[in-house]
Amino acid sequence: MTLNQREQILVGAIAGLALLFGTWAAGSALAGRWQEQTRKIASRQRELDSMRTAIQSRPQWLARAEELRQGLRRQQRFEQMSDLLKQLEDIGKAAGVVISARRPMPPVEHGNYRELAVQCSFEASIQSLVQFLFALQTETALINVEQLQLAPRPDNISILRGDIQVRALIDRTGKASS
C-alpha cells in the first residue's frame, strides 16, 4: 500500500511529535534527577567544608581541652561534708553572698561514689549572686546547682533572698570525682 503525499506528511508529523514528546519526557526526568543530584552534591560540599573547618580548628580545641584539664587539676578538692560547706562559705564570702543557713542532707551512696547535698539560705545582690554561681561552676570540683529559688527582700528590692541546693560527687576514697 502506498501512501499519498498528504498521508506521508501526517505520518511524518505524528512521528516528529512523538519523537519530540519522548525527548521532552526523557529530558524532564533527567533534568529532575540532575537537580536532585546537584542538591545532594551541594549538601555534601557544605558537610565537607564544615568538616574541613572542624579539622582546621583541632589545635584550638586541643589547647582548650588542655586548659580545662589544667583547671581541673588546680580546683580545690573536698573529702567530706565539712569541706564542701567550707568551700561554699568561702566562695560566698568572696562573691559577697551572705549565707544565713546551711542544711546538709544525708549522703547518697552510688556504687563507686557518694553524692553530698546541701541546702543553703542566702542574701545577695544580683551581681554578687552571679559571681557566686559563676565561681561554683568554674572554681569547684563537680558541684551542681540543683535548685535555686529567689525573691526580693521586702524592705530592699535590690537585695535578693534565696535558697539554693547544691550537689557534689566524691569517690569512695573521699576525693572529688573528676
C-alpha atoms as a PDB file:
ATOM      1  CA  MET A   1       0.000   0.000   0.000  1.00  0.00           C
ATOM      2  CA  THR A   2       1.247   3.364  -0.935  1.00  0.00           C
ATOM      3  CA  LEU A   3       0.624   6.488   0.961  1.00  0.00           C
ATOM      4  CA  ASN A   4      -0.242   9.625  -0.775  1.00  0.00           C
ATOM      5  CA  GLN A   5       1.646  12.797  -0.069  1.00  0.00           C
ATOM      6  CA  ARG A   6      -0.861  14.058   2.487  1.00  0.00           C
ATOM      7  CA  GLU A   7      -0.728  10.798   4.464  1.00  0.00           C
ATOM      8  CA  GLN A   8       3.078  10.827   4.349  1.00  0.00           C
ATOM      9  CA  ILE A   9       3.107  14.362   5.809  1.00  0.00           C
ATOM     10  CA  LEU A  10       0.685  13.292   8.567  1.00  0.00           C
ATOM     11  CA  VAL A  11       2.772  10.198   9.431  1.00  0.00           C
ATOM     12  CA  GLY A  12       5.942  12.340   9.446  1.00  0.00           C
ATOM     13  CA  ALA A  13       4.306  14.990  11.636  1.00  0.00           C
ATOM     14  CA  ILE A  14       2.994  12.348  14.074  1.00  0.00           C
ATOM     15  CA  ALA A  15       6.401  10.647  14.195  1.00  0.00           C
ATOM     16  CA  GLY A  16       8.082  14.026  14.753  1.00  0.00           C
ATOM     17  CA  LEU A  17       5.631  14.942  17.511  1.00  0.00           C
ATOM     18  CA  ALA A  18       6.114  11.504  19.135  1.00  0.00           C
ATOM     19  CA  LEU A  19       9.884  11.926  18.944  1.00  0.00           C
ATOM     20  CA  LEU A  20       9.605  15.473  20.331  1.00  0.00           C
ATOM     21  CA  PHE A  21       7.294  14.376  23.184  1.00  0.00           C
ATOM     22  CA  GLY A  22       9.516  11.369  24.017  1.00  0.00           C
ATOM     23  CA  THR A  23      12.587  13.595  24.072  1.00  0.00           C
ATOM     24  CA  TRP A  24      10.801  16.100  26.308  1.00  0.00           C
ATOM     25  CA  ALA A  25       9.596  13.388  28.729  1.00  0.00           C
ATOM     26  CA  ALA A  26      13.018  11.765  28.962  1.00  0.00           C
ATOM     27  CA  GLY A  27      14.727  15.168  29.251  1.00  0.00           C
ATOM     28  CA  SER A  28      12.455  16.378  32.044  1.00  0.00           C
ATOM     29  CA  ALA A  29      13.001  13.148  34.004  1.00  0.00           C
ATOM     30  CA  LEU A  30      16.758  13.501  33.555  1.00  0.00           C
ATOM     31  CA  ALA A  31      16.599  17.179  34.484  1.00  0.00           C
ATOM     32  CA  GLY A  32      14.749  16.303  37.709  1.00  0.00           C
ATOM     33  CA  ARG A  33      17.377  13.712  38.625  1.00  0.00           C
ATOM     34  CA  TRP A  34      20.126  16.151  37.691  1.00  0.00           C
ATOM     35  CA  GLN A  35      18.659  18.815  40.008  1.00  0.00           C
ATOM     36  CA  GLU A  36      18.353  16.254  42.830  1.00  0.00           C
ATOM     37  CA  GLN A  37      21.964  15.197  42.357  1.00  0.00           C
ATOM     38  CA  THR A  38      23.067  18.846  42.255  1.00  0.00           C
ATOM     39  CA  ARG A  39      21.328  19.456  45.604  1.00  0.00           C
ATOM     40  CA  LYS A  40      22.981  16.351  47.091  1.00  0.00           C
ATOM     41  CA  ILE A  41      26.385  17.468  45.841  1.00  0.00           C
ATOM     42  CA  ALA A  42      25.879  20.958  47.314  1.00  0.00           C
ATOM     43  CA  SER A  43      24.787  19.451  50.647  1.00  0.00           C
ATOM     44  CA  ARG A  44      27.777  17.110  50.730  1.00  0.00           C
ATOM     45  CA  GLN A  45      30.064  20.015  49.800  1.00  0.00           C
ATOM     46  CA  ARG A  46      28.738  22.005  52.774  1.00  0.00           C
ATOM     47  CA  GLU A  47      29.330  18.974  55.033  1.00  0.00           C
ATOM     48  CA  LEU A  48      32.853  18.614  53.675  1.00  0.00           C
ATOM     49  CA  ASP A  49      33.539  22.316  54.222  1.00  0.00           C
ATOM     50  CA  SER A  50      32.302  22.133  57.827  1.00  0.00           C
ATOM     51  CA  MET A  51      34.436  19.031  58.426  1.00  0.00           C
ATOM     52  CA  ARG A  52      37.487  20.783  56.996  1.00  0.00           C
ATOM     53  CA  THR A  53      36.785  23.767  59.254  1.00  0.00           C
ATOM     54  CA  ALA A  54      36.479  21.447  62.244  1.00  0.00           C
ATOM     55  CA  ILE A  55      39.736  19.722  61.328  1.00  0.00           C
ATOM     56  CA  GLN A  56      41.489  23.062  60.950  1.00  0.00           C
ATOM     57  CA  SER A  57      40.250  24.186  64.389  1.00  0.00           C
ATOM     58  CA  ARG A  58      41.544  20.995  66.046  1.00  0.00           C
ATOM     59  CA  PRO A  59      44.638  22.693  67.515  1.00  0.00           C
ATOM     60  CA  GLN A  60      42.450  25.315  69.231  1.00  0.00           C
ATOM     61  CA  TRP A  61      40.193  22.562  70.614  1.00  0.00           C
ATOM     62  CA  LEU A  62      43.178  20.628  71.920  1.00  0.00           C
ATOM     63  CA  ALA A  63      44.581  23.772  73.537  1.00  0.00           C
ATOM     64  CA  ARG A  64      41.212  24.496  75.168  1.00  0.00           C
ATOM     65  CA  ALA A  65      40.922  20.887  76.374  1.00  0.00           C
ATOM     66  CA  GLU A  66      44.387  21.098  77.919  1.00  0.00           C
ATOM     67  CA  GLU A  67      43.467  24.418  79.541  1.00  0.00           C
ATOM     68  CA  LEU A  68      40.351  22.827  81.056  1.00  0.00           C
ATOM     69  CA  ARG A  69      42.371  19.793  82.157  1.00  0.00           C
ATOM     70  CA  GLN A  70      44.856  22.073  83.915  1.00  0.00           C
ATOM     71  CA  GLY A  71      41.928  23.927  85.505  1.00  0.00           C
ATOM     72  CA  LEU A  72      40.597  20.666  86.914  1.00  0.00           C
ATOM     73  CA  ARG A  73      43.962  19.934  88.469  1.00  0.00           C
ATOM     74  CA  ARG A  74      44.024  23.379  90.126  1.00  0.00           C
ATOM     75  CA  GLN A  75      40.497  23.108  91.508  1.00  0.00           C
ATOM     76  CA  GLN A  76      40.050  22.731  95.206  1.00  0.00           C
ATOM     77  CA  ARG A  77      39.021  19.270  96.299  1.00  0.00           C
ATOM     78  CA  PHE A  78      36.912  18.229  99.254  1.00  0.00           C
ATOM     79  CA  GLU A  79      36.805  14.974 101.103  1.00  0.00           C
ATOM     80  CA  GLN A  80      33.743  15.283 103.335  1.00  0.00           C
ATOM     81  CA  MET A  81      30.678  17.392 104.013  1.00  0.00           C
ATOM     82  CA  SER A  82      32.558  19.907 106.183  1.00  0.00           C
ATOM     83  CA  ASP A  83      34.965  20.613 103.304  1.00  0.00           C
ATOM     84  CA  LEU A  84      32.027  21.219 100.970  1.00  0.00           C
ATOM     85  CA  LEU A  85      30.379  23.569 103.489  1.00  0.00           C
ATOM     86  CA  LYS A  86      33.643  25.457 103.939  1.00  0.00           C
ATOM     87  CA  GLN A  87      34.052  25.829 100.169  1.00  0.00           C
ATOM     88  CA  LEU A  88      30.523  27.181  99.834  1.00  0.00           C
ATOM     89  CA  GLU A  89      31.157  29.639 102.670  1.00  0.00           C
ATOM     90  CA  ASP A  90      34.486  30.789 101.169  1.00  0.00           C
ATOM     91  CA  ILE A  91      33.043  31.235  97.692  1.00  0.00           C
ATOM     92  CA  GLY A  92      30.040  33.064  99.136  1.00  0.00           C
ATOM     93  CA  LYS A  93      32.248  35.477 101.102  1.00  0.00           C
ATOM     94  CA  ALA A  94      34.453  36.142  98.067  1.00  0.00           C
ATOM     95  CA  ALA A  95      31.415  36.905  95.919  1.00  0.00           C
ATOM     96  CA  GLY A  96      29.576  38.954  98.543  1.00  0.00           C
ATOM     97  CA  VAL A  97      26.835  36.407  99.242  1.00  0.00           C
ATOM     98  CA  VAL A  98      25.758  36.116 102.873  1.00  0.00           C
ATOM     99  CA  ILE A  99      24.849  32.516 103.645  1.00  0.00           C
ATOM    100  CA  SER A 100      22.485  32.570 106.619  1.00  0.00           C
ATOM    101  CA  ALA A 101      21.656  28.871 106.963  1.00  0.00           C
ATOM    102  CA  ARG A 102      23.203  25.635 105.758  1.00  0.00           C
ATOM    103  CA  ARG A 103      21.335  22.360 105.915  1.00  0.00           C
ATOM    104  CA  PRO A 104      23.431  19.323 104.934  1.00  0.00           C
ATOM    105  CA  MET A 105      21.392  16.481 103.548  1.00  0.00           C
ATOM    106  CA  PRO A 106      22.252  12.814 104.110  1.00  0.00           C
ATOM    107  CA  PRO A 107      24.846  11.482 101.654  1.00  0.00           C
ATOM    108  CA  VAL A 108      23.583   9.153  98.946  1.00  0.00           C
ATOM    109  CA  GLU A 109      25.776   6.165  98.143  1.00  0.00           C
ATOM    110  CA  HIS A 110      26.107   5.146  94.466  1.00  0.00           C
ATOM    111  CA  GLY A 111      28.462   2.306  93.600  1.00  0.00           C
ATOM    112  CA  ASN A 112      31.903   3.914  93.478  1.00  0.00           C
ATOM    113  CA  TYR A 113      30.929   7.428  94.506  1.00  0.00           C
ATOM    114  CA  ARG A 114      28.907   9.386  97.047  1.00  0.00           C
ATOM    115  CA  GLU A 115      26.618  12.313  96.442  1.00  0.00           C
ATOM    116  CA  LEU A 116      26.630  15.128  99.004  1.00  0.00           C
ATOM    117  CA  ALA A 117      23.822  17.684  99.008  1.00  0.00           C
ATOM    118  CA  VAL A 118      23.461  20.969 100.890  1.00  0.00           C
ATOM    119  CA  GLN A 119      20.504  23.351 101.091  1.00  0.00           C
ATOM    120  CA  CYS A 120      21.536  26.956 101.848  1.00  0.00           C
ATOM    121  CA  SER A 121      19.600  30.155 102.507  1.00  0.00           C
ATOM    122  CA  PHE A 122      21.320  33.364 101.468  1.00  0.00           C
ATOM    123  CA  GLU A 123      21.023  37.082 100.748  1.00  0.00           C
ATOM    124  CA  ALA A 124      22.864  38.743  97.878  1.00  0.00           C
ATOM    125  CA  SER A 125      22.738  41.430  95.251  1.00  0.00           C
ATOM    126  CA  ILE A 126      22.223  40.310  91.668  1.00  0.00           C
ATOM    127  CA  GLN A 127      25.861  40.947  90.823  1.00  0.00           C
ATOM    128  CA  SER A 128      27.203  39.017  93.815  1.00  0.00           C
ATOM    129  CA  LEU A 129      24.793  36.138  93.100  1.00  0.00           C
ATOM    130  CA  VAL A 130      26.035  35.920  89.516  1.00  0.00           C
ATOM    131  CA  GLN A 131      29.637  35.924  90.748  1.00  0.00           C
ATOM    132  CA  PHE A 132      28.785  33.214  93.282  1.00  0.00           C
ATOM    133  CA  LEU A 133      27.099  30.969  90.694  1.00  0.00           C
ATOM    134  CA  PHE A 134      29.926  31.518  88.216  1.00  0.00           C
ATOM    135  CA  ALA A 135      32.508  30.620  90.860  1.00  0.00           C
ATOM    136  CA  LEU A 136      30.575  27.462  91.752  1.00  0.00           C
ATOM    137  CA  GLN A 137      30.722  26.344  88.136  1.00  0.00           C
ATOM    138  CA  THR A 138      34.322  27.285  87.411  1.00  0.00           C
ATOM    139  CA  GLU A 139      36.294  27.027  90.655  1.00  0.00           C
ATOM    140  CA  THR A 140      34.908  23.976  92.372  1.00  0.00           C
ATOM    141  CA  ALA A 141      35.115  20.286  91.703  1.00  0.00           C
ATOM    142  CA  LEU A 142      31.874  18.840  90.373  1.00  0.00           C
ATOM    143  CA  ILE A 143      29.344  20.924  92.241  1.00  0.00           C
ATOM    144  CA  ASN A 144      25.971  21.172  90.549  1.00  0.00           C
ATOM    145  CA  VAL A 145      23.301  23.693  91.384  1.00  0.00           C
ATOM    146  CA  GLU A 146      20.136  21.607  91.637  1.00  0.00           C
ATOM    147  CA  GLN A 147      17.594  24.214  92.769  1.00  0.00           C
ATOM    148  CA  LEU A 148      17.615  27.969  93.016  1.00  0.00           C
ATOM    149  CA  GLN A 149      14.700  29.986  94.388  1.00  0.00           C
ATOM    150  CA  LEU A 150      14.869  33.774  94.555  1.00  0.00           C
ATOM    151  CA  ALA A 151      12.686  36.575  95.876  1.00  0.00           C
ATOM    152  CA  PRO A 152      13.434  40.249  96.531  1.00  0.00           C
ATOM    153  CA  ARG A 153      13.780  41.284 100.146  1.00  0.00           C
ATOM    154  CA  PRO A 154      10.608  43.216 101.140  1.00  0.00           C
ATOM    155  CA  ASP A 155      12.424  46.207 102.646  1.00  0.00           C
ATOM    156  CA  ASN A 156      15.104  46.454  99.891  1.00  0.00           C
ATOM    157  CA  ILE A 157      14.282  45.044  96.448  1.00  0.00           C
ATOM    158  CA  SER A 158      17.888  45.340  95.267  1.00  0.00           C
ATOM    159  CA  ILE A 159      18.787  42.527  97.688  1.00  0.00           C
ATOM    160  CA  LEU A 160      17.654  39.018  96.840  1.00  0.00           C
ATOM    161  CA  ARG A 161      16.807  36.324  99.324  1.00  0.00           C
ATOM    162  CA  GLY A 162      17.023  32.805  98.146  1.00  0.00           C
ATOM    163  CA  ASP A 163      17.517  29.147  98.722  1.00  0.00           C
ATOM    164  CA  ILE A 164      19.980  27.077  96.751  1.00  0.00           C
ATOM    165  CA  GLN A 165      20.529  23.359  96.733  1.00  0.00           C
ATOM    166  CA  VAL A 166      23.884  22.082  95.509  1.00  0.00           C
ATOM    167  CA  ARG A 167      25.104  18.537  94.970  1.00  0.00           C
ATOM    168  CA  ALA A 168      28.677  17.324  94.805  1.00  0.00           C
ATOM    169  CA  LEU A 169      30.140  13.980  93.835  1.00  0.00           C
ATOM    170  CA  ILE A 170      33.059  12.395  95.639  1.00  0.00           C
ATOM    171  CA  ASP A 171      34.502   8.953  95.076  1.00  0.00           C
ATOM    172  CA  ARG A 172      34.654   6.261  97.734  1.00  0.00           C
ATOM    173  CA  THR A 173      38.153   7.335  98.798  1.00  0.00           C
ATOM    174  CA  GLY A 174      36.777  10.772  99.677  1.00  0.00           C
ATOM    175  CA  LYS A 175      38.284  12.802  96.839  1.00  0.00           C
ATOM    176  CA  ALA A 176      36.127  14.782  94.446  1.00  0.00           C
ATOM    177  CA  SER A 177      35.409  12.843  91.274  1.00  0.00           C
ATOM    178  CA  SER A 178      36.829  14.139  88.019  1.00  0.00           C
END
